[in-house]
Protein backbone atom coordinates (compact mmCIF):
# COMPACT_ATOMS: atom_id res chain seq x y z
CA MET A 1 -19.67 -31.06 -27.49
CA THR A 2 -16.53 -29.64 -24.85
CA ARG A 3 -18.04 -28.14 -21.48
CA SER A 4 -16.89 -24.81 -20.68
CA LEU A 5 -15.23 -24.26 -17.14
CA GLU A 6 -18.84 -22.52 -16.28
CA ASP A 7 -21.00 -25.03 -17.91
CA GLN A 8 -19.31 -27.72 -15.71
CA LEU A 9 -19.86 -26.15 -12.28
CA LEU A 10 -23.59 -25.06 -13.37
CA ALA A 11 -24.24 -28.66 -14.19
CA THR A 12 -22.73 -30.18 -10.83
CA GLY A 13 -24.72 -27.11 -8.76
CA GLU A 14 -21.49 -26.07 -7.71
CA ILE A 15 -22.81 -21.99 -8.35
CA SER A 16 -25.73 -20.44 -9.75
CA GLU A 17 -26.61 -18.36 -12.44
CA ALA A 18 -26.56 -15.16 -10.40
CA GLN A 19 -22.94 -15.87 -9.25
CA VAL A 20 -22.06 -16.86 -13.01
CA LYS A 21 -23.15 -13.00 -13.56
CA GLU A 22 -21.53 -11.87 -10.95
CA ALA A 23 -18.66 -13.28 -11.13
CA HIS A 24 -18.57 -12.55 -15.03
CA ALA A 25 -18.85 -8.66 -13.78
CA ALA A 26 -16.18 -8.60 -11.49
CA ALA A 27 -13.71 -10.56 -13.77
CA ARG A 28 -14.30 -7.75 -16.25
CA ASN A 29 -13.90 -5.03 -13.52
CA GLY A 30 -10.67 -6.72 -12.14
CA ASP A 31 -9.09 -8.58 -15.41
CA LEU A 32 -9.90 -11.57 -13.46
CA ALA A 33 -11.20 -15.31 -15.55
CA LEU A 34 -14.24 -16.74 -14.19
CA GLY A 35 -12.83 -19.53 -11.63
CA PRO A 36 -10.68 -16.95 -9.92
CA ALA A 37 -13.33 -14.18 -9.91
CA LEU A 38 -15.97 -17.05 -8.62
CA ILE A 39 -13.21 -17.62 -5.50
CA LYS A 40 -12.68 -14.12 -4.71
CA LEU A 41 -16.25 -13.30 -4.31
CA GLY A 42 -16.37 -16.41 -1.98
CA PHE A 43 -18.93 -18.09 -4.13
CA THR A 44 -16.56 -21.74 -4.32
CA ASP A 45 -12.96 -22.90 -3.41
CA GLU A 46 -9.58 -23.46 -5.22
CA THR A 47 -10.60 -26.99 -4.97
CA THR A 48 -13.99 -27.18 -6.66
CA VAL A 49 -12.89 -24.80 -9.82
CA ALA A 50 -9.62 -26.86 -10.41
CA ARG A 51 -11.79 -30.27 -9.89
CA ALA A 52 -14.18 -28.77 -12.95
CA GLN A 53 -11.24 -27.53 -14.59
CA ALA A 54 -9.69 -30.95 -15.15
CA LYS A 55 -12.88 -32.50 -15.93
CA VAL A 56 -13.02 -29.98 -19.01
CA GLU A 57 -9.29 -30.40 -19.87
CA GLY A 58 -9.66 -34.17 -19.63
CA LEU A 59 -7.13 -34.25 -17.19
CA PRO A 60 -7.32 -36.24 -13.74
CA PHE A 61 -7.61 -34.63 -10.63
CA VAL A 62 -4.92 -35.18 -7.71
CA ASP A 63 -6.16 -33.58 -4.22
CA LEU A 64 -3.00 -32.48 -2.54
CA LEU A 65 -4.23 -31.28 0.45
CA LYS A 66 -5.36 -35.30 1.23
CA ALA A 67 -4.83 -36.57 4.63
CA GLY A 68 -1.22 -38.48 4.74
CA LEU A 69 -0.46 -37.80 1.42
CA ARG A 70 3.18 -39.42 0.54
CA ILE A 71 5.30 -38.81 -2.03
CA SER A 72 8.57 -41.23 -2.13
CA ASP A 73 12.38 -39.81 -2.23
CA GLU A 74 12.86 -41.61 -5.29
CA VAL A 75 9.91 -39.55 -7.06
CA LEU A 76 10.76 -36.11 -5.75
CA ALA A 77 14.16 -36.98 -6.85
CA LYS A 78 13.19 -37.17 -10.75
CA VAL A 79 12.43 -33.31 -10.47
CA PRO A 80 15.18 -31.09 -8.96
CA GLY A 81 13.31 -28.81 -6.11
CA GLU A 82 15.04 -25.79 -8.49
CA LEU A 83 12.72 -26.44 -11.43
CA ALA A 84 9.80 -27.47 -9.29
CA THR A 85 9.65 -24.10 -7.56
CA GLU A 86 10.25 -22.40 -9.98
CA GLN A 87 7.76 -23.83 -12.94
CA GLY A 88 4.80 -25.02 -10.09
CA LEU A 89 4.84 -28.48 -10.60
CA LEU A 90 5.23 -31.27 -8.40
CA PRO A 91 6.25 -34.96 -8.80
CA VAL A 92 3.38 -37.57 -7.10
CA VAL A 93 3.82 -41.02 -8.22
CA GLU A 94 5.28 -43.21 -10.78
CA ARG A 95 2.76 -45.78 -12.67
CA GLY A 96 3.73 -47.91 -15.59
CA GLY A 97 6.95 -46.17 -16.38
CA LYS A 98 4.88 -43.06 -16.10
CA LEU A 99 5.76 -40.01 -13.93
CA ILE A 100 2.72 -38.12 -13.05
CA ILE A 101 3.14 -34.44 -12.13
CA ALA A 102 0.74 -32.16 -10.95
CA ILE A 103 0.49 -28.66 -12.01
CA ASP A 104 -2.00 -25.92 -11.37
CA ASP A 105 -2.24 -24.74 -14.78
CA PRO A 106 -3.72 -26.66 -17.71
CA PHE A 107 -1.19 -24.79 -20.09
CA LYS A 108 2.24 -26.04 -18.37
CA ARG A 109 1.19 -29.45 -20.24
CA MET A 110 3.94 -27.89 -23.07
CA ILE A 111 6.48 -28.43 -20.04
CA ALA A 112 5.60 -31.93 -20.06
CA ASP A 113 8.44 -32.80 -23.41
CA GLN A 114 10.89 -30.45 -21.40
CA LEU A 115 10.37 -32.93 -18.17
CA SER A 116 10.22 -35.82 -20.46
CA PHE A 117 14.29 -35.09 -21.48
CA THR A 118 15.21 -34.32 -18.28
CA THR A 119 14.17 -37.40 -15.82
CA GLY A 120 14.51 -39.68 -19.26
CA SER A 121 10.66 -40.54 -18.41
CA GLU A 122 7.02 -40.46 -19.68
CA ILE A 123 5.42 -37.43 -18.63
CA ALA A 124 1.82 -37.52 -18.06
CA CYS A 125 -0.05 -34.01 -15.73
CA ALA A 126 -2.90 -34.20 -13.68
CA LEU A 127 -4.36 -30.76 -12.52
CA ALA A 128 -4.50 -29.69 -8.43
CA ALA A 129 -5.47 -27.16 -6.90
CA PRO A 130 -2.66 -23.60 -6.85
CA GLY A 131 -3.05 -22.91 -3.18
CA ALA A 132 -2.71 -27.00 -2.75
CA LEU A 133 0.08 -26.95 -5.02
CA ARG A 134 2.03 -24.40 -3.75
CA ARG A 135 1.93 -25.94 -0.27
CA ALA A 136 2.81 -29.05 -0.99
CA ILE A 137 5.63 -27.92 -3.01
CA LYS A 138 6.88 -26.07 -0.05
CA LYS A 139 6.62 -29.07 2.26
CA PHE A 140 8.33 -31.55 0.14
CA TYR A 141 11.27 -29.45 -1.46
CA GLY A 142 11.54 -26.91 1.29
CA ASP A 143 10.57 -23.14 1.54
CA SER A 144 13.11 -20.83 -0.30
CA THR A 145 15.15 -18.46 1.56
CA GLU A 146 14.52 -14.56 1.15
CA ASP A 147 18.14 -13.96 -0.34
CA ALA A 148 16.57 -16.14 -2.95
CA VAL A 149 13.84 -14.29 -3.33
CA ALA A 150 15.29 -11.04 -3.31
CA SER A 151 17.68 -12.81 -6.06
CA SER A 152 14.74 -13.59 -8.27
CA LEU A 153 13.67 -10.11 -8.13
CA GLY A 154 16.61 -8.83 -9.67
CA GLY A 155 15.38 -8.82 -12.84
CA ALA A 156 11.20 -7.93 -12.24
CA SER A 157 9.97 -7.64 -15.11
CA ASP A 158 6.40 -8.72 -15.80
CA GLU A 159 4.15 -10.52 -13.61
CA GLU A 160 5.92 -14.33 -13.57
CA ASP A 161 8.59 -12.28 -11.86
CA ASP A 162 6.77 -10.82 -9.63
CA ALA A 163 5.43 -13.95 -8.61
CA PRO A 164 7.96 -14.04 -5.24
CA ILE A 165 6.99 -10.66 -3.92
CA VAL A 166 3.58 -11.29 -4.28
CA ARG A 167 3.50 -14.36 -2.16
CA LEU A 168 5.48 -12.45 0.54
CA VAL A 169 2.89 -10.06 0.65
CA THR A 170 0.19 -12.88 1.08
CA ARG A 171 2.17 -14.61 3.65
CA LEU A 172 2.61 -11.36 5.67
CA PHE A 173 -1.14 -10.48 5.55
CA GLN A 174 -1.81 -14.44 6.55
CA GLU A 175 0.86 -14.99 9.42
CA ALA A 176 -0.33 -11.25 10.50
CA LEU A 177 -4.12 -12.63 11.35
CA SER A 178 -2.51 -16.13 12.24
CA GLU A 179 -1.32 -14.14 15.34
CA ARG A 180 -3.78 -11.70 15.78
CA ALA A 181 -2.41 -8.71 14.61
CA SER A 182 -3.62 -5.60 14.77
CA ASP A 183 -1.14 -3.57 13.15
CA ILE A 184 1.75 -4.78 10.70
CA HIS A 185 5.15 -2.25 10.36
CA ILE A 186 7.57 -2.19 7.95
CA GLU A 187 10.39 -0.07 8.11
CA PRO A 188 13.66 0.05 6.46
CA GLY A 189 16.95 0.35 8.33
CA HIS A 190 20.85 -0.73 8.77
CA GLY A 191 20.43 -2.84 5.60
CA ARG A 192 17.45 -4.73 6.42
CA VAL A 193 13.55 -4.52 6.58
CA ARG A 194 11.91 -5.01 9.82
CA VAL A 195 8.29 -6.31 10.21
CA ARG A 196 6.34 -6.13 13.45
CA TYR A 197 3.29 -7.10 14.14
CA ARG A 198 0.92 -5.10 17.22
CA VAL A 199 -0.44 -8.06 19.07
CA ASP A 200 -2.26 -7.06 21.99
CA GLY A 201 -1.41 -3.10 22.06
CA MET A 202 2.31 -4.65 21.89
CA LEU A 203 4.59 -4.68 18.99
CA ARG A 204 6.96 -8.01 18.27
CA ASP A 205 9.47 -8.64 16.03
CA ALA A 206 8.01 -10.60 13.21
CA ALA A 207 10.53 -10.94 10.25
CA GLU A 208 13.70 -9.36 8.88
CA HIS A 209 14.18 -9.32 5.02
CA PRO A 210 17.18 -8.01 3.02
CA ASP A 211 17.21 -4.39 2.44
CA HIS A 212 16.47 -5.06 -1.42
CA LEU A 213 13.36 -6.38 -0.93
CA HIS A 214 12.17 -2.80 0.52
CA SER A 215 11.32 -0.82 -2.83
CA PRO A 216 9.74 -3.85 -4.18
CA LEU A 217 7.62 -5.08 -1.23
CA ILE A 218 6.48 -0.87 -0.89
CA SER A 219 6.51 -1.08 -4.37
CA ARG A 220 3.54 -3.84 -4.21
CA LEU A 221 1.71 -2.66 -1.11
CA LYS A 222 1.29 0.82 -2.34
CA ILE A 223 -0.50 -0.54 -5.95
CA MET A 224 -2.36 -2.77 -3.88
CA ALA A 225 -3.81 0.43 -1.83
CA SER A 226 -4.20 2.80 -5.24
CA MET A 227 -0.96 5.00 -3.86
CA ASP A 228 1.17 6.47 -6.30
CA ILE A 229 4.14 4.28 -6.43
CA SER A 230 6.12 7.21 -8.24
CA GLU A 231 5.87 9.45 -5.15
CA LYS A 232 8.27 8.39 -2.44
CA ARG A 233 8.49 12.37 -1.09
CA LYS A 234 5.44 12.48 0.73
CA PRO A 235 3.12 10.71 3.08
CA GLN A 236 0.47 8.81 1.37
CA ASP A 237 -2.52 7.04 2.70
CA GLY A 238 -4.66 4.24 1.15
CA ARG A 239 -7.28 0.91 1.95
CA ILE A 240 -6.66 -2.03 0.76
CA GLY A 241 -9.43 -4.60 0.99
CA LEU A 242 -8.93 -8.31 1.12
CA THR A 243 -9.80 -12.11 1.52
CA ILE A 244 -7.63 -14.50 3.17
CA GLU A 245 -8.93 -17.87 4.45
CA GLY A 246 -12.55 -16.74 3.77
CA ARG A 247 -12.35 -13.55 6.22
CA GLU A 248 -13.18 -9.93 4.56
CA ILE A 249 -10.33 -8.04 6.24
CA ASP A 250 -10.28 -3.91 5.61
CA VAL A 251 -6.64 -2.54 5.53
CA ARG A 252 -6.13 1.11 6.18
CA ALA A 253 -2.35 1.98 4.96
CA SER A 254 -0.34 4.83 5.15
CA ILE A 255 3.48 5.51 4.02
CA LEU A 256 5.83 8.02 5.91
CA PRO A 257 8.90 9.18 4.19
CA SER A 258 12.00 8.50 6.64
CA SER A 259 15.53 9.02 6.22
CA HIS A 260 16.13 5.10 5.44
CA GLY A 261 13.44 5.42 2.63
CA GLU A 262 9.50 4.64 3.19
CA SER A 263 8.16 2.75 6.16
CA MET A 264 4.44 1.77 6.10
CA VAL A 265 1.66 0.70 8.80
CA MET A 266 -0.79 -0.91 8.09
CA ARG A 267 -3.97 -1.62 10.65
CA LEU A 268 -5.93 -4.73 10.31
CA LEU A 269 -9.83 -4.60 10.53
CA ASP A 270 -11.73 -7.88 10.38
CA ARG A 271 -15.36 -6.73 9.09
CA GLY A 272 -16.18 -10.33 9.52
CA ALA A 273 -15.68 -10.17 13.44
CA SER A 274 -18.55 -10.07 15.48
CA LEU A 275 -19.86 -7.03 17.31
CA ILE A 276 -18.37 -6.71 20.91
CA SER A 277 -21.67 -6.16 23.36
CA LEU A 278 -21.52 -3.95 26.35
CA ARG A 279 -20.47 -6.16 28.76
CA GLU A 280 -18.08 -7.56 26.89
CA LEU A 281 -16.03 -4.21 26.30
CA GLY A 282 -15.16 -3.98 30.17
CA PHE A 283 -17.78 -2.80 32.61
CA ASP A 284 -18.84 -3.96 35.43
CA ASP A 285 -22.27 -4.11 36.60
CA GLU A 286 -22.19 -1.07 37.96
CA ASP A 287 -20.63 1.23 35.17
CA TYR A 288 -23.07 -1.48 32.78
CA LYS A 289 -26.24 0.14 34.59
CA TRP A 290 -24.65 4.08 34.10
CA PHE A 291 -23.92 3.59 30.87
CA ARG A 292 -27.03 2.18 29.60
CA ARG A 293 -28.73 5.12 31.97
CA VAL A 294 -26.70 8.31 30.40
CA ILE A 295 -27.33 6.56 26.45
CA LYS A 296 -30.85 6.71 26.78
CA ARG A 297 -31.24 10.31 27.58
CA PRO A 298 -33.15 12.16 24.72
CA ASN A 299 -30.47 15.15 23.67
CA GLY A 300 -26.96 16.34 23.95
CA ILE A 301 -23.78 15.12 23.28
CA CYS A 302 -21.91 12.08 24.38
CA LEU A 303 -18.07 12.03 23.69
CA VAL A 304 -16.06 9.06 24.15
CA THR A 305 -12.27 9.56 23.92
CA GLY A 306 -8.64 8.43 24.38
CA PRO A 307 -5.56 7.82 21.82
CA THR A 308 -5.58 5.70 18.48
CA GLY A 309 -6.68 1.97 18.90
CA SER A 310 -8.20 2.53 22.48
CA GLY A 311 -11.61 1.02 21.25
CA LYS A 312 -13.33 4.27 21.20
CA THR A 313 -15.31 3.50 18.07
CA THR A 314 -16.17 -0.21 19.41
CA THR A 315 -18.01 1.47 22.64
CA LEU A 316 -19.84 4.10 20.28
CA TYR A 317 -20.75 0.71 18.17
CA ALA A 318 -21.76 -1.10 21.07
CA ALA A 319 -23.88 1.86 22.44
CA LEU A 320 -25.89 2.19 18.91
CA ALA A 321 -26.36 -1.28 19.24
CA GLU A 322 -27.81 -0.85 22.39
CA LEU A 323 -30.31 2.22 21.03
CA ASN A 324 -31.23 0.27 17.87
CA ARG A 325 -34.95 -0.07 17.62
CA PRO A 326 -37.69 0.05 14.76
CA ASP A 327 -38.82 3.09 16.73
CA VAL A 328 -35.14 4.81 16.50
CA LYS A 329 -33.58 5.87 13.26
CA ILE A 330 -29.48 6.45 13.88
CA ILE A 331 -27.33 8.59 11.23
CA THR A 332 -23.27 7.91 11.43
CA ALA A 333 -20.33 9.83 9.24
CA GLU A 334 -17.83 6.96 9.61
CA ASP A 335 -14.38 7.74 8.48
CA PRO A 336 -14.09 4.76 8.10
CA VAL A 337 -17.25 2.74 8.15
CA GLU A 338 -15.45 0.05 10.06
CA TYR A 339 -18.88 -2.08 10.56
CA HIS A 340 -22.01 -2.68 8.94
CA LEU A 341 -24.81 -2.40 11.84
CA ALA A 342 -28.26 -3.40 10.29
CA GLY A 343 -30.95 -0.94 10.29
CA ILE A 344 -28.93 2.08 10.87
CA ASN A 345 -27.63 4.79 8.09
CA GLN A 346 -23.98 4.81 7.49
CA VAL A 347 -22.16 7.18 5.68
CA GLN A 348 -18.51 7.21 4.60
CA VAL A 349 -16.35 9.96 4.42
CA ASN A 350 -14.91 11.13 1.62
CA SER A 351 -12.34 14.32 1.86
CA ARG A 352 -11.10 13.50 -1.60
CA ILE A 353 -14.89 14.88 -3.38
CA GLY A 354 -15.27 17.09 -0.39
CA VAL A 355 -17.84 14.69 1.29
CA SER A 356 -16.18 15.42 5.01
CA PHE A 357 -17.88 14.91 8.71
CA SER A 358 -19.58 18.61 8.52
CA ARG A 359 -20.77 18.46 4.92
CA ILE A 360 -22.64 15.10 6.34
CA LEU A 361 -23.80 16.51 9.43
CA LYS A 362 -24.94 19.33 8.05
CA ALA A 363 -27.08 16.96 5.52
CA MET A 364 -28.02 14.21 8.25
CA LEU A 365 -29.94 16.77 10.03
CA ARG A 366 -31.96 17.43 7.22
CA CYS A 367 -33.32 13.82 6.98
CA ALA A 368 -35.12 13.51 11.07
CA PRO A 369 -32.56 11.45 12.29
CA ASN A 370 -33.16 10.62 16.57
CA VAL A 371 -29.79 9.72 17.18
CA ILE A 372 -26.20 11.03 15.45
CA LEU A 373 -23.05 9.31 15.58
CA VAL A 374 -19.72 11.69 14.08
CA GLY A 375 -16.71 9.49 13.67
CA GLU A 376 -14.80 12.44 15.47
CA ILE A 377 -14.69 16.01 16.02
CA ARG A 378 -11.84 17.44 14.31
CA ASP A 379 -12.23 21.14 13.58
CA LEU A 380 -14.31 23.99 15.00
CA GLU A 381 -17.05 23.74 12.24
CA THR A 382 -17.60 20.05 12.83
CA ALA A 383 -18.11 20.71 17.10
CA ASP A 384 -20.71 23.57 15.85
CA ILE A 385 -22.69 21.71 14.22
CA ALA A 386 -22.65 18.61 16.18
CA ILE A 387 -23.32 21.01 19.63
CA GLN A 388 -26.11 22.96 17.59
CA ALA A 389 -27.70 19.31 16.95
CA ALA A 390 -27.16 18.36 20.44
CA LEU A 391 -29.35 21.68 21.54
CA THR A 392 -32.09 20.95 19.05
CA GLY A 393 -33.28 17.39 20.13
CA HIS A 394 -30.84 14.97 18.99
CA LEU A 395 -28.94 12.56 20.70
CA VAL A 396 -24.74 12.83 19.40
CA PHE A 397 -22.13 10.40 19.75
CA SER A 398 -18.97 11.25 18.66
CA THR A 399 -15.03 10.89 19.86
CA VAL A 400 -12.37 13.68 20.64
CA HIS A 401 -8.22 13.22 21.00
CA THR A 402 -7.46 14.37 24.87
CA ASN A 403 -5.73 12.59 27.79
CA ASP A 404 -8.62 12.40 29.55
CA ALA A 405 -12.72 13.11 30.59
CA PRO A 406 -12.19 16.62 32.04
CA SER A 407 -9.85 17.49 29.01
CA VAL A 408 -12.37 17.33 26.07
CA LEU A 409 -14.89 20.41 28.02
CA THR A 410 -11.06 22.40 27.30
CA ARG A 411 -10.43 20.71 24.18
CA LEU A 412 -13.81 22.34 22.71
CA GLN A 413 -13.01 25.38 23.95
CA ASP A 414 -9.60 25.51 22.13
CA LEU A 415 -11.20 24.06 18.96
CA GLY A 416 -13.28 27.50 19.01
CA VAL A 417 -16.66 26.26 20.82
CA LYS A 418 -18.26 28.87 23.03
CA PRO A 419 -18.02 27.71 26.57
CA PHE A 420 -21.96 28.42 27.33
CA LEU A 421 -22.55 25.85 24.19
CA VAL A 422 -20.46 23.52 25.73
CA SER A 423 -22.10 23.83 29.10
CA ALA A 424 -25.29 23.54 27.50
CA ALA A 425 -24.79 20.32 25.16
CA VAL A 426 -22.04 18.07 27.12
CA GLN A 427 -24.58 15.20 29.31
CA PHE A 428 -21.03 12.80 29.63
CA VAL A 429 -17.90 12.06 28.73
CA ILE A 430 -15.65 8.70 29.23
CA ALA A 431 -11.81 8.56 28.29
CA GLN A 432 -10.78 4.16 27.75
CA ARG A 433 -7.67 2.54 27.76
CA LEU A 434 -7.20 -0.98 26.76
CA VAL A 435 -4.80 -2.98 28.97
CA ARG A 436 -3.69 -6.69 28.26
CA ARG A 437 -6.10 -9.20 29.60
CA LEU A 438 -4.29 -12.37 31.96
CA CYS A 439 -3.79 -15.71 30.36
CA SER A 440 -6.44 -17.45 32.23
CA GLU A 441 -4.26 -21.02 31.69
CA CYS A 442 -0.81 -19.71 33.50
CA ALA A 443 -1.74 -16.25 35.45
CA GLU A 444 -0.22 -17.06 38.83
CA GLU A 445 -0.94 -15.48 42.68
CA TYR A 446 1.35 -13.21 44.66
CA GLN A 447 1.68 -11.49 47.15
CA PRO A 448 1.95 -7.29 46.63
CA HIS A 449 3.93 -5.18 47.95
CA GLU A 450 3.06 -2.24 49.86
CA GLU A 451 4.76 0.20 47.84
CA GLU A 452 2.84 -1.64 45.13
CA LEU A 453 -0.78 -1.12 46.69
CA ARG A 454 -0.14 2.41 46.29
CA THR A 455 0.72 3.22 43.44
CA ILE A 456 -3.41 2.31 42.08
CA GLY A 457 -4.65 4.04 44.78
CA ILE A 458 -5.07 1.19 47.14
CA ASP A 459 -4.47 2.06 50.84
CA PRO A 460 -2.62 -1.05 52.38
CA LYS A 461 -4.36 -1.07 55.56
CA THR A 462 -7.52 -2.03 53.62
CA MET A 463 -5.79 -5.02 52.69
CA THR A 464 -6.30 -8.50 54.57
CA SER A 465 -4.95 -11.45 52.68
CA GLN A 466 -5.94 -10.30 49.03
CA PHE A 467 -3.87 -11.64 46.57
CA PHE A 468 -3.16 -10.32 42.55
CA LYS A 469 -2.22 -11.76 40.00
CA ARG A 470 1.12 -11.65 37.44
CA GLU A 471 2.44 -12.77 34.17
CA ARG A 472 3.93 -16.30 34.06
CA GLY A 473 3.95 -17.63 30.44
CA CYS A 474 2.93 -20.62 28.82
CA ARG A 475 2.43 -22.28 25.18
CA ALA A 476 -1.23 -20.77 25.06
CA CYS A 477 -0.05 -17.77 25.46
CA GLU A 478 3.11 -18.11 23.36
CA GLY A 479 5.33 -17.59 26.64
CA VAL A 480 3.76 -13.82 26.83
CA GLY A 481 1.77 -13.95 29.55
CA TYR A 482 -1.30 -12.04 28.24
CA HIS A 483 -4.12 -12.97 25.85
CA GLY A 484 -6.64 -10.83 24.53
CA ARG A 485 -7.36 -6.76 25.98
CA THR A 486 -9.57 -5.62 28.00
CA ALA A 487 -10.41 -2.04 28.28
CA LEU A 488 -10.47 0.80 31.63
CA PHE A 489 -12.81 3.82 31.83
CA GLU A 490 -12.85 6.86 33.09
CA LEU A 491 -16.21 8.37 33.46
CA LEU A 492 -17.73 12.01 33.99
CA GLU A 493 -20.61 12.78 33.62
CA MET A 494 -21.97 16.67 34.10
CA ASP A 495 -23.99 18.05 37.00
CA PRO A 496 -24.98 22.00 37.81
CA GLU A 497 -21.61 22.54 39.30
CA LEU A 498 -19.52 21.07 36.07
CA ARG A 499 -21.92 23.31 33.78
CA GLU A 500 -21.38 26.49 36.39
CA LEU A 501 -17.43 25.50 35.99
CA CYS A 502 -17.64 25.30 32.52
CA PHE A 503 -20.00 28.00 31.96
CA ARG A 504 -16.94 30.43 33.69
CA GLY A 505 -14.42 29.12 31.36
CA GLU A 506 -12.72 28.23 34.50
CA PRO A 507 -9.42 26.08 34.26
CA LEU A 508 -9.21 22.20 34.11
CA ASP A 509 -7.71 21.31 37.49
CA VAL A 510 -10.36 23.38 39.27
CA ILE A 511 -13.13 21.06 36.79
CA ARG A 512 -10.79 18.60 37.58
CA ARG A 513 -10.74 18.83 41.35
CA ALA A 514 -14.96 19.56 41.43
CA ALA A 515 -15.59 16.63 39.41
CA LEU A 516 -13.83 14.30 41.96
CA ALA A 517 -14.85 16.10 44.82
CA SER A 518 -18.26 15.63 43.92
CA GLY A 519 -18.04 12.07 42.71
CA ARG A 520 -18.70 12.86 39.29
CA LEU A 521 -15.40 11.74 38.02
CA ARG A 522 -14.12 8.34 38.50
CA PRO A 523 -10.55 8.39 37.22
CA LEU A 524 -8.96 5.86 34.91
CA ILE A 525 -6.90 4.18 37.89
CA ILE A 526 -9.73 3.32 39.79
CA ASP A 527 -11.11 1.07 37.16
CA GLY A 528 -7.62 -0.19 36.33
CA ALA A 529 -7.35 -0.90 40.18
CA ARG A 530 -10.67 -2.77 40.23
CA LYS A 531 -9.55 -4.83 37.14
CA VAL A 532 -6.46 -5.97 39.25
CA LEU A 533 -8.37 -6.98 42.08
CA ARG A 534 -9.89 -9.38 40.14
CA GLY A 535 -7.54 -10.58 38.37
CA MET A 536 -8.23 -9.50 34.84
CA THR A 537 -4.69 -7.64 34.89
CA THR A 538 -1.65 -6.65 36.11
CA VAL A 539 -0.34 -3.67 37.73
CA THR A 540 2.71 -3.02 35.46
CA GLU A 541 -0.70 -3.44 32.95
CA VAL A 542 -2.74 -0.47 34.41
CA LEU A 543 0.45 1.83 35.25
CA ARG A 544 1.02 1.92 31.22
CA VAL A 545 -1.90 3.57 30.31
CA CYS A 546 -2.80 5.39 33.37
CA ARG A 547 -0.63 8.32 34.97
CA ASP A 548 0.85 7.85 38.31
CA GLU A 549 0.38 10.89 40.24
CA SER A 550 -3.72 10.50 39.59
CA ALA A 551 -3.48 7.27 42.76
CA GLU A 552 -2.97 9.97 44.84
CA SER A 553 -5.91 12.10 44.74
CA VAL A 554 -7.93 8.76 44.64
CA SER A 555 -8.34 5.97 46.90
CA VAL A 556 -9.83 2.77 45.61
CA GLU A 557 -12.27 0.73 48.22
CA VAL A 558 -11.18 -3.22 48.31
CA ASP A 559 -14.26 -5.43 48.54
């Protein structure tokens, strides 16, 4: 009796009945075969499926991932590289007058007759895992150039012809993840398509492709992101869900039409990455104690501000993780839900069906939560509901887009919130930026110049023999001198005087001066200077994200 792939995998104990049922459902929804569905769901790997498929088909299995795999030049010469790449096969060994070729699909056995005529040898087939076969072909025959890929796309009309662009997109994501990129930028212009990665907050060139690759590349990504591929005149947004090397990656994609064609930005979020704790965020001991104290207030609104990609959501998640206990009910409204937190009710915003921040917030209040997180305050309706919740016994966390912490108070008023409501509801504001952290392998000490000290608010007279550190570059940091990032924080805690100024609708400069004078505002540049003194980052990095003039009104105490 001939076994099916399902029977073979079940018989060897590689998968369970429940996994088979789930894979069949996924296969129907995604138009996949059982094997690819099992792999996509992470229940097994390509090698296991290929090994089982080989037994079902009565073919030998060849492990092309085996360490030290060698194929003689004489054997490789039997099959032209162009034919091997085009058909997806690899000559492995010649035994007893037979040339054994590795294939990744049993249906490719029909190629054996054609090869027998071409090579003048008898052909036998062995099954290999598809990914391993592709890598082996690339290893032994070399990678095709981008021009070759582009030419193969010239008459693309079916899935077989689309395979090169699919491989290009896969390689794009794999390389971005291996380089720790947070964003991928695809930008057409001047006869080329430029690909850049954002690593540790800085853009770097990754690749350049011929201009005629632009259309099929963007079309493929649009399909993956469920966008309208026929619309090329309007901006579009979409999402892509990927599993790469066992890691679940959520991709937020944005299309922007430009004068040279559509440019695309994809933001990568690794759902499998562990959440950063409060201590890992960049808080020193003093700030850590302050933050733990202020987030444990029974009510009020707590706001985090900063530009896109400055780690605001990470800070809020760290606060929620600190407050997450069995006796506390926490509900969040997010766009998107970036990390899934056990014990917390998380709601996804969906503007297409009218599920907005304000609508979710109204529904939240009927669920009797203790703590509420609103992903972002974008409009008056959301701001009003959040503040009313804060004034009726709820602790509310949210984000606002402003340049610094005091600006949040006037920003809420700009949205239309009454000054007396802002004054009564806001408890504290954190403004933050991310700076690159010096590479621990190659950072070198140096004596800073007096002017350099003044730019970050340090009086040269207070310095004795303090050294700073600067970047140098080594193999560990790929010559950049930095590896990873840390956060700088600007902390503002409301007190009666600030509430009175806010109530009266005083200008931003008046509020900022009063906050500095009372010690309720700790500017961003001070935290930056502290981290420079500790050798965590450089003056250049701090000044990149802080305004120079802010150093004129502050002073940093040197320990």
